[in-house]
Amino acid sequence: MIPRFFCPFPLHPGATVELAADAAHHALKVLRVGAGDAAILFDGRGGQWRATLHPVGKSLRATLHEFDDADWESPLNLTLVQGLPSGDKMDLVVQKAVELGVRRIQPVAAKRSVVRLAGDRAERRVEHWRNIAIAACEQSGRNRVPAVAPILDLPQYLGIAAQENGLRFVCAPGVAVRLRDLTAPEGPVSLLVGPEGGFEEGELLAARAAGFKPVGLGPRVLRTETAGLGALAAMMALWGDW
């Protein structure tokens, strides 16, 4: 498989660019690329470039050749609003949500969220998740990197969401309504998933007041890192490009 690399700057025909240090290290030490090997570069604006690699010591340069306007984005404009889980579960959620085709990820802090992040710690964690999203795009073939938004408190997010267009769903146990019972959406969709232990009743009431419709995910209780990803996969099968 031809390796793929993200470049955080606009790419142009005929240019020779230097890959980021982490990407160069991975390519040279893990993938064992050599002079003249082929690669694909993308800058997140859509499409991709075929390129030839040129190792220079510990650095790695790429000369751009043919542009390919390939676009594998799903027609379903889907945002995952994930209640912050404990440990490194959010890493998994971000990685797999990007692979499944989500357009945007919004982390939210709920009352039962074990992890509490603020200030520099929050900024570093969000940047970490953005790098995971980039790596997932490199692996999955996506040429547009989904946005990972800064962490918001749930009430702050609900106040913003109430002013937005599109369908809004919240995962809620014991609800009879299933995704397959719903009409295919014509616009953006947001899916709100609680942290470990779910949302408190007051939070669910606030979500409903903000226009979020409760939806069930079957008779079994799913972990937070399973619920959102399972729902995303179902939405892609029902309404997306699966």
Protein backbone atom coordinates (compact mmCIF):
# COMPACT_ATOMS: atom_id res chain seq x y z
CA MET A 1 0.00 0.00 0.00
CA ILE A 2 1.30 3.45 -0.91
CA PRO A 3 1.88 5.49 2.27
CA ARG A 4 -0.22 8.62 2.81
CA PHE A 5 0.92 11.77 4.63
CA PHE A 6 -0.94 14.87 5.74
CA CYS A 7 0.66 18.28 5.15
CA PRO A 8 -0.62 21.18 7.28
CA PHE A 9 -0.10 23.70 4.47
CA PRO A 10 -1.49 24.15 0.92
CA LEU A 11 0.10 21.92 -1.72
CA HIS A 12 0.84 23.03 -5.27
CA PRO A 13 1.88 21.22 -8.48
CA GLY A 14 5.61 20.66 -8.91
CA ALA A 15 6.45 21.67 -5.35
CA THR A 16 8.98 19.86 -3.21
CA VAL A 17 7.94 19.84 0.42
CA GLU A 18 9.50 18.59 3.62
CA LEU A 19 7.39 16.31 5.77
CA ALA A 20 6.93 16.99 9.47
CA ALA A 21 9.54 15.41 11.74
CA ASP A 22 7.15 12.83 13.21
CA ALA A 23 5.91 11.80 9.75
CA ALA A 24 9.48 11.57 8.44
CA HIS A 25 10.58 9.44 11.39
CA HIS A 26 7.63 7.07 10.93
CA ALA A 27 8.22 6.79 7.19
CA LEU A 28 11.97 6.21 7.47
CA LYS A 29 12.13 4.00 10.59
CA VAL A 30 8.81 2.13 10.48
CA LEU A 31 7.74 2.08 6.84
CA ARG A 32 11.36 1.92 5.64
CA VAL A 33 10.77 4.11 2.59
CA GLY A 34 13.66 4.84 0.27
CA ALA A 35 14.66 7.29 -2.43
CA GLY A 36 12.24 7.28 -5.34
CA ASP A 37 9.43 5.54 -3.47
CA ALA A 38 5.88 6.70 -4.20
CA ALA A 39 3.63 8.40 -1.66
CA ILE A 40 0.34 10.27 -1.48
CA LEU A 41 0.09 13.68 0.18
CA PHE A 42 -3.03 15.64 1.11
CA ASP A 43 -3.57 19.00 2.76
CA GLY A 44 -7.13 18.60 4.02
CA ARG A 45 -8.76 20.79 1.36
CA GLY A 46 -9.89 17.80 -0.70
CA GLY A 47 -8.10 15.67 -3.23
CA GLN A 48 -4.60 14.25 -3.02
CA TRP A 49 -1.21 14.41 -4.71
CA ARG A 50 0.98 11.62 -5.99
CA ALA A 51 4.55 12.26 -4.97
CA THR A 52 8.08 10.85 -5.01
CA LEU A 53 10.02 10.64 -1.76
CA HIS A 54 13.61 11.82 -1.23
CA PRO A 55 15.26 11.01 2.14
CA VAL A 56 17.84 13.58 3.25
CA GLY A 57 19.46 12.35 6.46
CA LYS A 58 16.73 12.28 9.10
CA SER A 59 14.50 14.48 6.93
CA LEU A 60 12.14 13.38 4.18
CA ARG A 61 11.14 15.45 1.17
CA ALA A 62 8.43 14.79 -1.39
CA THR A 63 8.11 16.11 -4.94
CA LEU A 64 4.49 16.52 -6.04
CA HIS A 65 3.34 15.23 -9.41
CA GLU A 66 -0.20 14.32 -10.42
CA PHE A 67 -3.26 15.69 -8.56
CA ASP A 68 -6.20 13.38 -7.95
CA ASP A 69 -9.50 14.99 -6.93
CA ALA A 70 -10.68 11.79 -5.20
CA ASP A 71 -13.28 12.44 -2.54
CA TRP A 72 -14.55 9.69 -0.26
CA GLU A 73 -16.57 11.86 2.11
CA SER A 74 -19.96 10.55 3.16
CA PRO A 75 -23.05 12.52 2.03
CA LEU A 76 -24.19 12.37 5.65
CA ASN A 77 -23.02 15.49 7.50
CA LEU A 78 -22.62 13.97 10.94
CA THR A 79 -21.29 15.46 14.18
CA LEU A 80 -20.47 13.24 17.15
CA VAL A 81 -20.95 15.04 20.46
CA GLN A 82 -19.12 12.82 22.94
CA GLY A 83 -19.33 13.10 26.71
CA LEU A 84 -15.76 12.91 27.98
CA PRO A 85 -14.91 9.33 28.96
CA SER A 86 -12.19 8.20 31.33
CA GLY A 87 -8.64 7.16 30.46
CA ASP A 88 -7.70 7.00 26.81
CA LYS A 89 -11.15 5.95 25.57
CA MET A 90 -11.57 9.25 23.75
CA ASP A 91 -8.53 8.37 21.62
CA LEU A 92 -10.38 5.27 20.39
CA VAL A 93 -13.61 7.21 19.83
CA VAL A 94 -11.88 9.86 17.73
CA GLN A 95 -9.93 7.34 15.67
CA LYS A 96 -12.89 5.11 14.85
CA ALA A 97 -15.35 7.97 14.34
CA VAL A 98 -13.04 9.42 11.69
CA GLU A 99 -12.74 6.02 10.01
CA LEU A 100 -16.54 5.71 9.99
CA GLY A 101 -16.90 9.07 8.22
CA VAL A 102 -17.90 11.62 10.86
CA ARG A 103 -17.47 15.27 9.80
CA ARG A 104 -16.95 16.82 13.24
CA ILE A 105 -16.29 15.76 16.82
CA GLN A 106 -17.39 17.91 19.75
CA PRO A 107 -16.14 16.80 23.20
CA VAL A 108 -18.39 17.86 26.10
CA ALA A 109 -17.95 17.69 29.87
CA ALA A 110 -21.04 16.33 31.64
CA LYS A 111 -21.74 15.98 35.36
CA ARG A 112 -20.71 12.33 35.37
CA SER A 113 -17.56 12.85 33.30
CA VAL A 114 -14.64 11.43 35.26
CA VAL A 115 -12.04 13.44 33.34
CA ARG A 116 -11.91 17.17 34.08
CA LEU A 117 -9.80 19.23 31.70
CA ALA A 118 -9.27 22.97 31.59
CA GLY A 119 -6.74 25.53 30.42
CA ASP A 120 -3.48 24.23 28.94
CA ARG A 121 -4.34 20.61 29.75
CA ALA A 122 -7.53 20.85 27.73
CA GLU A 123 -5.76 22.51 24.80
CA ARG A 124 -3.04 19.85 24.75
CA ARG A 125 -5.59 17.04 24.87
CA VAL A 126 -7.63 18.52 22.02
CA GLU A 127 -4.46 18.91 19.94
CA HIS A 128 -3.66 15.27 20.69
CA TRP A 129 -7.11 14.23 19.44
CA ARG A 130 -6.65 16.32 16.30
CA ASN A 131 -3.43 14.45 15.57
CA ILE A 132 -5.29 11.17 16.03
CA ALA A 133 -7.89 12.39 13.53
CA ILE A 134 -5.13 13.19 11.03
CA ALA A 135 -3.57 9.74 11.47
CA ALA A 136 -6.99 8.14 10.97
CA CYS A 137 -7.41 10.06 7.72
CA GLU A 138 -3.99 8.91 6.53
CA GLN A 139 -4.94 5.30 7.27
CA SER A 140 -8.53 5.34 5.99
CA GLY A 141 -8.00 7.28 2.77
CA ARG A 142 -9.91 10.43 3.72
CA ASN A 143 -8.61 13.67 2.23
CA ARG A 144 -10.57 16.03 4.48
CA VAL A 145 -9.70 16.05 8.17
CA PRO A 146 -12.75 16.20 10.48
CA ALA A 147 -12.70 19.05 12.95
CA VAL A 148 -12.15 18.25 16.63
CA ALA A 149 -13.64 21.20 18.51
CA PRO A 150 -12.48 22.56 21.87
CA ILE A 151 -14.05 20.98 24.96
CA LEU A 152 -17.30 22.61 26.11
CA ASP A 153 -19.39 22.13 29.22
CA LEU A 154 -22.65 20.41 28.29
CA PRO A 155 -24.89 23.41 29.12
CA GLN A 156 -22.66 25.68 27.03
CA TYR A 157 -22.84 23.28 24.09
CA LEU A 158 -26.62 22.85 24.36
CA GLY A 159 -27.07 26.62 24.26
CA ILE A 160 -25.13 26.75 20.98
CA ALA A 161 -26.78 23.65 19.50
CA ALA A 162 -30.27 25.01 20.11
CA GLN A 163 -29.54 27.78 17.60
CA GLU A 164 -28.25 25.45 14.87
CA ASN A 165 -30.12 23.78 12.05
CA GLY A 166 -30.37 20.05 11.47
CA LEU A 167 -31.52 16.96 13.34
CA ARG A 168 -30.28 16.31 16.84
CA PHE A 169 -30.36 12.96 18.66
CA VAL A 170 -29.31 11.89 22.14
CA CYS A 171 -28.61 8.27 23.02
CA ALA A 172 -30.94 7.27 25.86
CA PRO A 173 -31.43 3.77 27.33
CA GLY A 174 -34.95 2.40 27.49
CA VAL A 175 -36.25 4.49 24.59
CA ALA A 176 -38.42 2.62 22.10
CA VAL A 177 -37.54 4.81 19.09
CA ARG A 178 -34.83 3.24 16.93
CA LEU A 179 -32.75 4.76 14.15
CA ARG A 180 -34.38 2.50 11.59
CA ASP A 181 -37.77 3.99 12.52
CA LEU A 182 -36.67 7.49 11.47
CA THR A 183 -36.86 9.23 8.11
CA ALA A 184 -33.57 9.84 6.35
CA PRO A 185 -32.29 13.34 7.21
CA GLU A 186 -31.91 16.02 4.55
CA GLY A 187 -29.41 18.13 6.46
CA PRO A 188 -26.80 17.92 9.23
CA VAL A 189 -27.16 15.41 12.06
CA SER A 190 -25.73 15.68 15.58
CA LEU A 191 -25.50 12.68 17.91
CA LEU A 192 -25.06 13.31 21.64
CA VAL A 193 -23.53 10.48 23.71
CA GLY A 194 -23.13 10.51 27.48
CA PRO A 195 -20.02 9.63 29.53
CA GLU A 196 -19.70 6.58 31.78
CA GLY A 197 -22.91 6.37 33.80
CA GLY A 198 -24.82 8.32 31.18
CA PHE A 199 -26.43 11.72 31.57
CA GLU A 200 -28.28 12.82 34.68
CA GLU A 201 -32.02 13.31 34.29
CA GLY A 202 -31.66 17.09 34.34
CA GLU A 203 -29.13 16.92 31.53
CA LEU A 204 -31.46 14.78 29.42
CA LEU A 205 -34.27 17.26 30.01
CA ALA A 206 -31.97 20.12 28.96
CA ALA A 207 -30.95 18.18 25.83
CA ARG A 208 -34.59 17.66 24.92
CA ALA A 209 -35.28 21.35 25.45
CA ALA A 210 -32.41 22.09 23.02
CA GLY A 211 -34.07 19.95 20.35
CA PHE A 212 -32.36 16.61 20.91
CA LYS A 213 -34.66 13.64 20.29
CA PRO A 214 -34.01 10.56 22.45
CA VAL A 215 -33.15 7.42 20.48
CA GLY A 216 -32.49 3.89 21.70
CA LEU A 217 -29.67 1.58 20.64
CA GLY A 218 -31.27 -1.78 21.32
CA PRO A 219 -31.96 -3.85 24.44
CA ARG A 220 -28.36 -4.11 25.64
CA VAL A 221 -26.50 -1.48 27.66
CA LEU A 222 -23.54 -0.15 25.69
CA ARG A 223 -20.41 1.47 27.07
CA THR A 224 -19.87 5.09 26.14
CA GLU A 225 -17.07 4.26 23.69
CA THR A 226 -19.34 1.66 22.03
CA ALA A 227 -22.62 3.57 21.92
CA GLY A 228 -21.53 6.47 19.73
CA LEU A 229 -19.50 4.35 17.34
CA GLY A 230 -22.30 1.81 17.00
CA ALA A 231 -24.80 4.56 16.26
CA LEU A 232 -22.46 6.15 13.72
CA ALA A 233 -22.09 2.86 11.90
CA ALA A 234 -25.86 2.36 11.87
CA MET A 235 -26.42 5.88 10.53
CA MET A 236 -23.89 5.34 7.76
CA ALA A 237 -25.63 2.09 6.81
CA LEU A 238 -29.09 3.67 6.87
CA TRP A 239 -28.43 7.15 5.52
CA GLY A 240 -24.79 7.42 4.43
CA ASP A 241 -22.63 5.69 1.84
CA TRP A 242 -22.41 2.13 3.17
